Amino acid sequence: MAINYYTQGCSYRYSGKRITSRWIKETIVNEGLTTGDISVVFCSDASLLEINRKYLNHDYYTDIITFDYDDKERGIVSGDLFISVDTVADNAAQYGVAPREEMQRVIIHGVLHLCGYGDKSDPEARIMREKENFYLARRPETEGVK
């Protein structure tokens, strides 16, 4: 199965797709699952807000929206990760981290949602953050985001 990268409503270039794809697949395998088809779509704030309104009836900006198409019975992880490059850049500045690190955190956050992790309650959010940190510590160092 494949991991594909796209842009929507922005001119963003993400380098290191092959390395990131391998990292995503290793994460999914480590969670005891199998990688299916995953799309990572880099968007503008406006594009992601439109998706948020149209499909989720939410009227606010966010860094990521994950659409899960998993085959739970067979343990296959598939879905779409829509990521606002604008919000990720703003969050990186706010948290004092490199844009590359914040983008990787958001990508792995979406992958963890596809693996079945939530973040709506405090206990779920705590587990999600622990998982993010665990996998970020194992991310490829040669990765780059432009």
N, C-alpha and C. Protein backbone atom coordinates (compact mmCIF):
# COMPACT_ATOMS: atom_id res chain seq x y z
N MET A 1 0.84 -1.18 0.00
CA MET A 1 0.00 0.00 0.00
C MET A 1 0.89 1.25 0.00
N ALA A 2 0.28 2.40 -0.25
CA ALA A 2 1.07 3.60 -0.51
C ALA A 2 0.75 4.74 0.44
N ILE A 3 1.77 5.56 0.65
CA ILE A 3 1.60 6.84 1.33
C ILE A 3 1.92 7.90 0.30
N ASN A 4 0.95 8.77 0.04
CA ASN A 4 1.10 9.81 -0.98
C ASN A 4 0.99 11.18 -0.35
N TYR A 5 1.63 12.16 -0.98
CA TYR A 5 1.68 13.53 -0.48
C TYR A 5 1.12 14.47 -1.55
N TYR A 6 0.29 15.41 -1.10
CA TYR A 6 -0.36 16.36 -2.00
C TYR A 6 -0.39 17.74 -1.34
N THR A 7 -0.69 18.75 -2.15
CA THR A 7 -0.97 20.08 -1.62
C THR A 7 -2.35 20.50 -2.10
N GLN A 8 -2.98 21.34 -1.29
CA GLN A 8 -4.31 21.84 -1.62
C GLN A 8 -4.43 23.27 -1.13
N GLY A 9 -4.56 24.20 -2.05
CA GLY A 9 -4.75 25.60 -1.67
C GLY A 9 -3.51 26.27 -1.14
N CYS A 10 -2.34 25.70 -1.42
CA CYS A 10 -1.09 26.32 -0.98
C CYS A 10 0.05 25.83 -1.87
N SER A 11 1.16 26.52 -1.80
CA SER A 11 2.35 26.08 -2.53
C SER A 11 3.40 25.71 -1.49
N TYR A 12 3.32 24.52 -1.02
CA TYR A 12 4.18 24.04 0.06
C TYR A 12 4.99 22.87 -0.46
N ARG A 13 6.25 22.82 -0.08
CA ARG A 13 7.09 21.72 -0.50
C ARG A 13 7.61 20.99 0.74
N TYR A 14 7.30 19.72 0.81
CA TYR A 14 7.75 18.88 1.92
C TYR A 14 8.83 17.95 1.39
N SER A 15 10.03 18.07 1.91
CA SER A 15 11.12 17.20 1.45
C SER A 15 11.26 16.00 2.37
N GLY A 16 11.83 14.94 1.85
CA GLY A 16 12.04 13.74 2.64
C GLY A 16 10.84 12.84 2.72
N LYS A 17 10.03 12.82 1.67
CA LYS A 17 8.80 12.02 1.68
C LYS A 17 9.09 10.53 1.85
N ARG A 18 10.12 10.04 1.20
CA ARG A 18 10.43 8.61 1.29
C ARG A 18 10.80 8.23 2.73
N ILE A 19 11.59 9.07 3.37
CA ILE A 19 12.00 8.80 4.75
C ILE A 19 10.80 8.89 5.69
N THR A 20 9.97 9.89 5.49
CA THR A 20 8.77 10.05 6.32
C THR A 20 7.83 8.87 6.13
N SER A 21 7.68 8.42 4.89
CA SER A 21 6.82 7.27 4.63
C SER A 21 7.31 6.03 5.36
N ARG A 22 8.60 5.82 5.36
CA ARG A 22 9.16 4.68 6.09
C ARG A 22 8.90 4.82 7.58
N TRP A 23 9.05 6.02 8.12
CA TRP A 23 8.80 6.29 9.54
C TRP A 23 7.33 6.03 9.88
N ILE A 24 6.42 6.47 9.03
CA ILE A 24 4.99 6.23 9.24
C ILE A 24 4.71 4.73 9.25
N LYS A 25 5.25 4.01 8.28
CA LYS A 25 5.03 2.56 8.20
C LYS A 25 5.60 1.84 9.42
N GLU A 26 6.79 2.25 9.87
CA GLU A 26 7.39 1.64 11.07
C GLU A 26 6.53 1.91 12.30
N THR A 27 5.96 3.09 12.40
CA THR A 27 5.07 3.44 13.51
C THR A 27 3.84 2.53 13.51
N ILE A 28 3.23 2.37 12.36
CA ILE A 28 2.03 1.55 12.24
C ILE A 28 2.33 0.10 12.58
N VAL A 29 3.44 -0.44 12.08
CA VAL A 29 3.84 -1.81 12.39
C VAL A 29 4.10 -1.96 13.89
N ASN A 30 4.75 -0.97 14.48
CA ASN A 30 5.03 -1.01 15.92
C ASN A 30 3.74 -1.03 16.75
N GLU A 31 2.67 -0.47 16.19
CA GLU A 31 1.37 -0.48 16.85
C GLU A 31 0.60 -1.78 16.58
N GLY A 32 1.24 -2.71 15.87
CA GLY A 32 0.63 -4.01 15.60
C GLY A 32 -0.36 -4.00 14.46
N LEU A 33 -0.23 -3.03 13.57
CA LEU A 33 -1.17 -2.87 12.46
C LEU A 33 -0.44 -2.92 11.13
N THR A 34 -1.20 -2.85 10.05
CA THR A 34 -0.65 -2.89 8.70
C THR A 34 -0.98 -1.59 7.98
N THR A 35 -0.03 -1.09 7.20
CA THR A 35 -0.24 0.15 6.47
C THR A 35 -1.07 -0.10 5.22
N GLY A 36 -2.12 0.69 5.09
CA GLY A 36 -2.94 0.69 3.88
C GLY A 36 -2.58 1.92 3.06
N ASP A 37 -3.57 2.54 2.44
CA ASP A 37 -3.35 3.76 1.66
C ASP A 37 -3.57 4.97 2.56
N ILE A 38 -2.56 5.84 2.59
CA ILE A 38 -2.61 7.06 3.41
C ILE A 38 -2.24 8.24 2.52
N SER A 39 -3.03 9.29 2.59
CA SER A 39 -2.73 10.53 1.89
C SER A 39 -2.42 11.60 2.93
N VAL A 40 -1.32 12.30 2.72
CA VAL A 40 -0.95 13.45 3.55
C VAL A 40 -1.14 14.66 2.64
N VAL A 41 -2.09 15.53 3.02
CA VAL A 41 -2.45 16.67 2.18
C VAL A 41 -2.11 17.95 2.94
N PHE A 42 -1.15 18.70 2.40
CA PHE A 42 -0.74 19.96 3.00
C PHE A 42 -1.64 21.06 2.44
N CYS A 43 -2.29 21.82 3.36
CA CYS A 43 -3.30 22.81 2.99
C CYS A 43 -2.98 24.17 3.59
N SER A 44 -3.68 25.17 3.07
CA SER A 44 -3.68 26.49 3.70
C SER A 44 -4.70 26.48 4.83
N ASP A 45 -4.63 27.49 5.68
CA ASP A 45 -5.64 27.64 6.73
C ASP A 45 -7.05 27.70 6.13
N ALA A 46 -7.20 28.47 5.04
CA ALA A 46 -8.51 28.64 4.42
C ALA A 46 -9.05 27.30 3.90
N SER A 47 -8.20 26.51 3.28
CA SER A 47 -8.63 25.20 2.76
C SER A 47 -9.06 24.27 3.89
N LEU A 48 -8.28 24.25 4.96
CA LEU A 48 -8.61 23.35 6.06
C LEU A 48 -9.86 23.82 6.81
N LEU A 49 -10.03 25.13 6.92
CA LEU A 49 -11.24 25.65 7.54
C LEU A 49 -12.48 25.25 6.73
N GLU A 50 -12.37 25.30 5.42
CA GLU A 50 -13.48 24.89 4.56
C GLU A 50 -13.82 23.41 4.76
N ILE A 51 -12.80 22.56 4.86
CA ILE A 51 -13.02 21.13 5.12
C ILE A 51 -13.66 20.94 6.49
N ASN A 52 -13.17 21.68 7.48
CA ASN A 52 -13.69 21.58 8.84
C ASN A 52 -15.18 21.95 8.88
N ARG A 53 -15.53 22.99 8.16
CA ARG A 53 -16.94 23.42 8.12
C ARG A 53 -17.80 22.42 7.36
N LYS A 54 -17.33 22.00 6.20
CA LYS A 54 -18.13 21.16 5.30
C LYS A 54 -18.36 19.76 5.84
N TYR A 55 -17.31 19.14 6.37
CA TYR A 55 -17.42 17.73 6.75
C TYR A 55 -17.61 17.48 8.25
N LEU A 56 -17.19 18.44 9.07
CA LEU A 56 -17.28 18.23 10.52
C LEU A 56 -18.20 19.23 11.22
N ASN A 57 -18.72 20.19 10.48
CA ASN A 57 -19.57 21.24 11.05
C ASN A 57 -18.87 21.99 12.18
N HIS A 58 -17.56 22.18 12.04
CA HIS A 58 -16.77 22.96 12.99
C HIS A 58 -16.35 24.25 12.31
N ASP A 59 -16.47 25.36 13.01
CA ASP A 59 -16.13 26.65 12.42
C ASP A 59 -14.91 27.24 13.13
N TYR A 60 -13.78 26.54 13.01
CA TYR A 60 -12.54 27.04 13.60
C TYR A 60 -11.34 26.45 12.88
N TYR A 61 -10.22 27.14 13.05
CA TYR A 61 -8.96 26.70 12.47
C TYR A 61 -8.37 25.57 13.31
N THR A 62 -7.63 24.70 12.67
CA THR A 62 -6.96 23.61 13.36
C THR A 62 -5.69 23.25 12.58
N ASP A 63 -4.83 22.47 13.19
CA ASP A 63 -3.61 22.09 12.48
C ASP A 63 -3.79 20.84 11.63
N ILE A 64 -4.69 19.94 12.03
CA ILE A 64 -4.88 18.71 11.29
C ILE A 64 -6.31 18.21 11.42
N ILE A 65 -6.79 17.63 10.33
CA ILE A 65 -8.04 16.88 10.33
C ILE A 65 -7.71 15.52 9.74
N THR A 66 -8.12 14.49 10.45
CA THR A 66 -7.84 13.12 10.04
C THR A 66 -9.14 12.43 9.66
N PHE A 67 -9.16 11.88 8.45
CA PHE A 67 -10.29 11.07 8.01
C PHE A 67 -9.82 9.62 7.99
N ASP A 68 -10.46 8.80 8.80
CA ASP A 68 -10.06 7.42 9.03
C ASP A 68 -10.87 6.48 8.15
N TYR A 69 -10.16 5.72 7.30
CA TYR A 69 -10.82 4.73 6.43
C TYR A 69 -10.31 3.33 6.75
N ASP A 70 -9.88 3.13 7.99
CA ASP A 70 -9.28 1.86 8.41
C ASP A 70 -10.21 0.68 8.22
N ASP A 71 -9.60 -0.46 7.97
CA ASP A 71 -10.29 -1.74 7.96
C ASP A 71 -9.97 -2.38 9.32
N LYS A 72 -10.80 -2.08 10.31
CA LYS A 72 -10.53 -2.51 11.69
C LYS A 72 -10.42 -4.02 11.83
N GLU A 73 -11.26 -4.75 11.11
CA GLU A 73 -11.24 -6.22 11.23
C GLU A 73 -9.92 -6.81 10.77
N ARG A 74 -9.32 -6.21 9.75
CA ARG A 74 -8.06 -6.73 9.23
C ARG A 74 -6.84 -5.99 9.75
N GLY A 75 -7.06 -4.95 10.56
CA GLY A 75 -5.95 -4.20 11.14
C GLY A 75 -5.18 -3.36 10.14
N ILE A 76 -5.88 -2.90 9.10
CA ILE A 76 -5.24 -2.09 8.06
C ILE A 76 -5.54 -0.61 8.31
N VAL A 77 -4.48 0.18 8.37
CA VAL A 77 -4.57 1.61 8.65
C VAL A 77 -4.59 2.37 7.32
N SER A 78 -5.69 3.09 7.07
CA SER A 78 -5.84 3.90 5.86
C SER A 78 -6.56 5.18 6.22
N GLY A 79 -6.25 6.25 5.50
CA GLY A 79 -6.95 7.50 5.74
C GLY A 79 -6.28 8.68 5.09
N ASP A 80 -6.87 9.84 5.33
CA ASP A 80 -6.35 11.11 4.82
C ASP A 80 -5.98 12.00 5.99
N LEU A 81 -4.81 12.61 5.90
CA LEU A 81 -4.36 13.59 6.88
C LEU A 81 -4.31 14.95 6.17
N PHE A 82 -5.20 15.85 6.55
CA PHE A 82 -5.20 17.20 6.00
C PHE A 82 -4.52 18.11 7.02
N ILE A 83 -3.41 18.73 6.63
CA ILE A 83 -2.59 19.51 7.56
C ILE A 83 -2.49 20.95 7.09
N SER A 84 -2.80 21.89 7.99
CA SER A 84 -2.66 23.31 7.67
C SER A 84 -1.21 23.72 7.90
N VAL A 85 -0.51 24.04 6.81
CA VAL A 85 0.88 24.48 6.94
C VAL A 85 0.96 25.82 7.65
N ASP A 86 -0.08 26.64 7.52
CA ASP A 86 -0.11 27.94 8.19
C ASP A 86 -0.17 27.77 9.70
N THR A 87 -1.09 26.94 10.16
CA THR A 87 -1.25 26.72 11.60
C THR A 87 -0.04 26.01 12.19
N VAL A 88 0.52 25.06 11.45
CA VAL A 88 1.73 24.37 11.93
C VAL A 88 2.86 25.39 12.11
N ALA A 89 3.03 26.29 11.16
CA ALA A 89 4.08 27.32 11.29
C ALA A 89 3.82 28.23 12.48
N ASP A 90 2.57 28.64 12.67
CA ASP A 90 2.21 29.48 13.82
C ASP A 90 2.47 28.75 15.13
N ASN A 91 2.09 27.47 15.19
CA ASN A 91 2.31 26.69 16.42
C ASN A 91 3.80 26.51 16.71
N ALA A 92 4.58 26.29 15.68
CA ALA A 92 6.02 26.14 15.87
C ALA A 92 6.61 27.40 16.50
N ALA A 93 6.20 28.55 16.00
CA ALA A 93 6.67 29.82 16.56
C ALA A 93 6.19 30.00 18.00
N GLN A 94 4.92 29.66 18.24
CA GLN A 94 4.35 29.81 19.59
C GLN A 94 5.06 28.91 20.60
N TYR A 95 5.36 27.66 20.21
CA TYR A 95 5.98 26.70 21.13
C TYR A 95 7.50 26.77 21.12
N GLY A 96 8.07 27.59 20.25
CA GLY A 96 9.52 27.74 20.20
C GLY A 96 10.24 26.50 19.69
N VAL A 97 9.62 25.82 18.72
CA VAL A 97 10.24 24.64 18.12
C VAL A 97 10.44 24.89 16.63
N ALA A 98 11.31 24.11 16.04
CA ALA A 98 11.55 24.22 14.60
C ALA A 98 10.30 23.82 13.83
N PRO A 99 10.01 24.50 12.73
CA PRO A 99 8.85 24.12 11.91
C PRO A 99 8.90 22.64 11.51
N ARG A 100 10.07 22.11 11.23
CA ARG A 100 10.23 20.71 10.87
C ARG A 100 9.72 19.79 11.99
N GLU A 101 10.10 20.10 13.22
CA GLU A 101 9.68 19.29 14.36
C GLU A 101 8.17 19.35 14.56
N GLU A 102 7.60 20.54 14.43
CA GLU A 102 6.15 20.67 14.62
C GLU A 102 5.40 19.94 13.51
N MET A 103 5.89 20.03 12.27
CA MET A 103 5.23 19.31 11.17
C MET A 103 5.29 17.81 11.42
N GLN A 104 6.41 17.31 11.87
CA GLN A 104 6.52 15.88 12.15
C GLN A 104 5.61 15.47 13.29
N ARG A 105 5.50 16.32 14.31
CA ARG A 105 4.58 16.01 15.41
C ARG A 105 3.14 15.92 14.89
N VAL A 106 2.76 16.83 14.03
CA VAL A 106 1.39 16.82 13.50
C VAL A 106 1.16 15.60 12.61
N ILE A 107 2.14 15.26 11.79
CA ILE A 107 2.00 14.07 10.95
C ILE A 107 1.82 12.83 11.81
N ILE A 108 2.68 12.65 12.80
CA ILE A 108 2.60 11.43 13.62
C ILE A 108 1.33 11.46 14.47
N HIS A 109 0.88 12.64 14.86
CA HIS A 109 -0.39 12.78 15.59
C HIS A 109 -1.53 12.21 14.73
N GLY A 110 -1.58 12.60 13.47
CA GLY A 110 -2.60 12.08 12.57
C GLY A 110 -2.50 10.58 12.37
N VAL A 111 -1.28 10.08 12.23
CA VAL A 111 -1.08 8.63 12.08
C VAL A 111 -1.58 7.90 13.33
N LEU A 112 -1.31 8.46 14.50
CA LEU A 112 -1.78 7.83 15.74
C LEU A 112 -3.31 7.83 15.83
N HIS A 113 -3.95 8.88 15.31
CA HIS A 113 -5.42 8.86 15.22
C HIS A 113 -5.86 7.69 14.35
N LEU A 114 -5.18 7.49 13.22
CA LEU A 114 -5.53 6.37 12.34
C LEU A 114 -5.30 5.02 13.02
N CYS A 115 -4.35 4.99 13.95
CA CYS A 115 -4.07 3.76 14.71
C CYS A 115 -5.07 3.53 15.84
N GLY A 116 -5.98 4.49 16.05
CA GLY A 116 -7.03 4.30 17.05
C GLY A 116 -6.91 5.14 18.31
N TYR A 117 -5.91 6.01 18.38
CA TYR A 117 -5.75 6.85 19.57
C TYR A 117 -6.59 8.11 19.46
N GLY A 118 -7.19 8.49 20.56
CA GLY A 118 -7.99 9.71 20.63
C GLY A 118 -7.27 10.77 21.42
N ASP A 119 -7.89 11.95 21.51
CA ASP A 119 -7.31 13.03 22.30
C ASP A 119 -8.38 13.97 22.86
N LYS A 120 -9.60 13.48 22.96
CA LYS A 120 -10.70 14.33 23.43
C LYS A 120 -10.73 14.51 24.94
N SER A 121 -10.35 13.48 25.67
CA SER A 121 -10.32 13.59 27.14
C SER A 121 -8.88 13.81 27.60
N ASP A 122 -8.73 14.24 28.84
CA ASP A 122 -7.38 14.45 29.38
C ASP A 122 -6.55 13.16 29.38
N PRO A 123 -7.12 12.03 29.82
CA PRO A 123 -6.32 10.79 29.78
C PRO A 123 -5.93 10.39 28.35
N GLU A 124 -6.85 10.55 27.39
CA GLU A 124 -6.53 10.24 26.00
C GLU A 124 -5.43 11.17 25.48
N ALA A 125 -5.55 12.46 25.78
CA ALA A 125 -4.57 13.44 25.32
C ALA A 125 -3.19 13.14 25.91
N ARG A 126 -3.15 12.70 27.14
CA ARG A 126 -1.88 12.36 27.79
C ARG A 126 -1.22 11.16 27.08
N ILE A 127 -2.02 10.15 26.79
CA ILE A 127 -1.49 8.98 26.08
C ILE A 127 -1.03 9.38 24.68
N MET A 128 -1.83 10.21 24.00
CA MET A 128 -1.47 10.67 22.66
C MET A 128 -0.12 11.40 22.70
N ARG A 129 0.06 12.29 23.65
CA ARG A 129 1.32 13.05 23.75
C ARG A 129 2.49 12.13 24.04
N GLU A 130 2.29 11.13 24.90
CA GLU A 130 3.36 10.16 25.18
C GLU A 130 3.74 9.39 23.92
N LYS A 131 2.73 8.96 23.16
CA LYS A 131 2.98 8.24 21.91
C LYS A 131 3.69 9.13 20.90
N GLU A 132 3.24 10.38 20.78
CA GLU A 132 3.90 11.32 19.88
C GLU A 132 5.38 11.45 20.23
N ASN A 133 5.66 11.66 21.50
CA ASN A 133 7.05 11.82 21.94
C ASN A 133 7.87 10.56 21.69
N PHE A 134 7.26 9.40 21.92
CA PHE A 134 7.93 8.12 21.69
C PHE A 134 8.35 8.01 20.22
N TYR A 135 7.41 8.28 19.31
CA TYR A 135 7.71 8.14 17.88
C TYR A 135 8.56 9.28 17.34
N LEU A 136 8.42 10.48 17.90
CA LEU A 136 9.29 11.58 17.48
C LEU A 136 10.75 11.29 17.83
N ALA A 137 10.96 10.59 18.92
CA ALA A 137 12.33 10.22 19.31
C ALA A 137 12.92 9.22 18.32
N ARG A 138 12.10 8.60 17.51
CA ARG A 138 12.54 7.59 16.55
C ARG A 138 12.44 8.09 15.11
N ARG A 139 12.14 9.37 14.93
CA ARG A 139 12.00 9.90 13.57
C ARG A 139 13.36 10.03 12.90
N PRO A 140 13.35 10.01 11.61
CA PRO A 140 14.60 10.16 10.86
C PRO A 140 15.19 11.55 11.07
N GLU A 141 16.47 11.61 11.32
CA GLU A 141 17.14 12.89 11.54
C GLU A 141 17.46 13.62 10.25
N THR A 142 17.47 12.91 9.15
CA THR A 142 17.81 13.54 7.88
C THR A 142 16.60 14.17 7.20
N GLU A 143 15.47 14.10 7.85
CA GLU A 143 14.22 14.66 7.33
C GLU A 143 14.31 16.18 7.26
N GLY A 144 13.65 16.77 6.30
CA GLY A 144 13.60 18.22 6.22
C GLY A 144 12.23 18.71 5.78
N VAL A 145 11.85 19.85 6.26
CA VAL A 145 10.60 20.48 5.86
C VAL A 145 10.95 21.87 5.39
N LYS A 146 10.44 22.22 4.25
CA LYS A 146 10.69 23.58 3.73
C LYS A 146 9.39 24.33 3.65
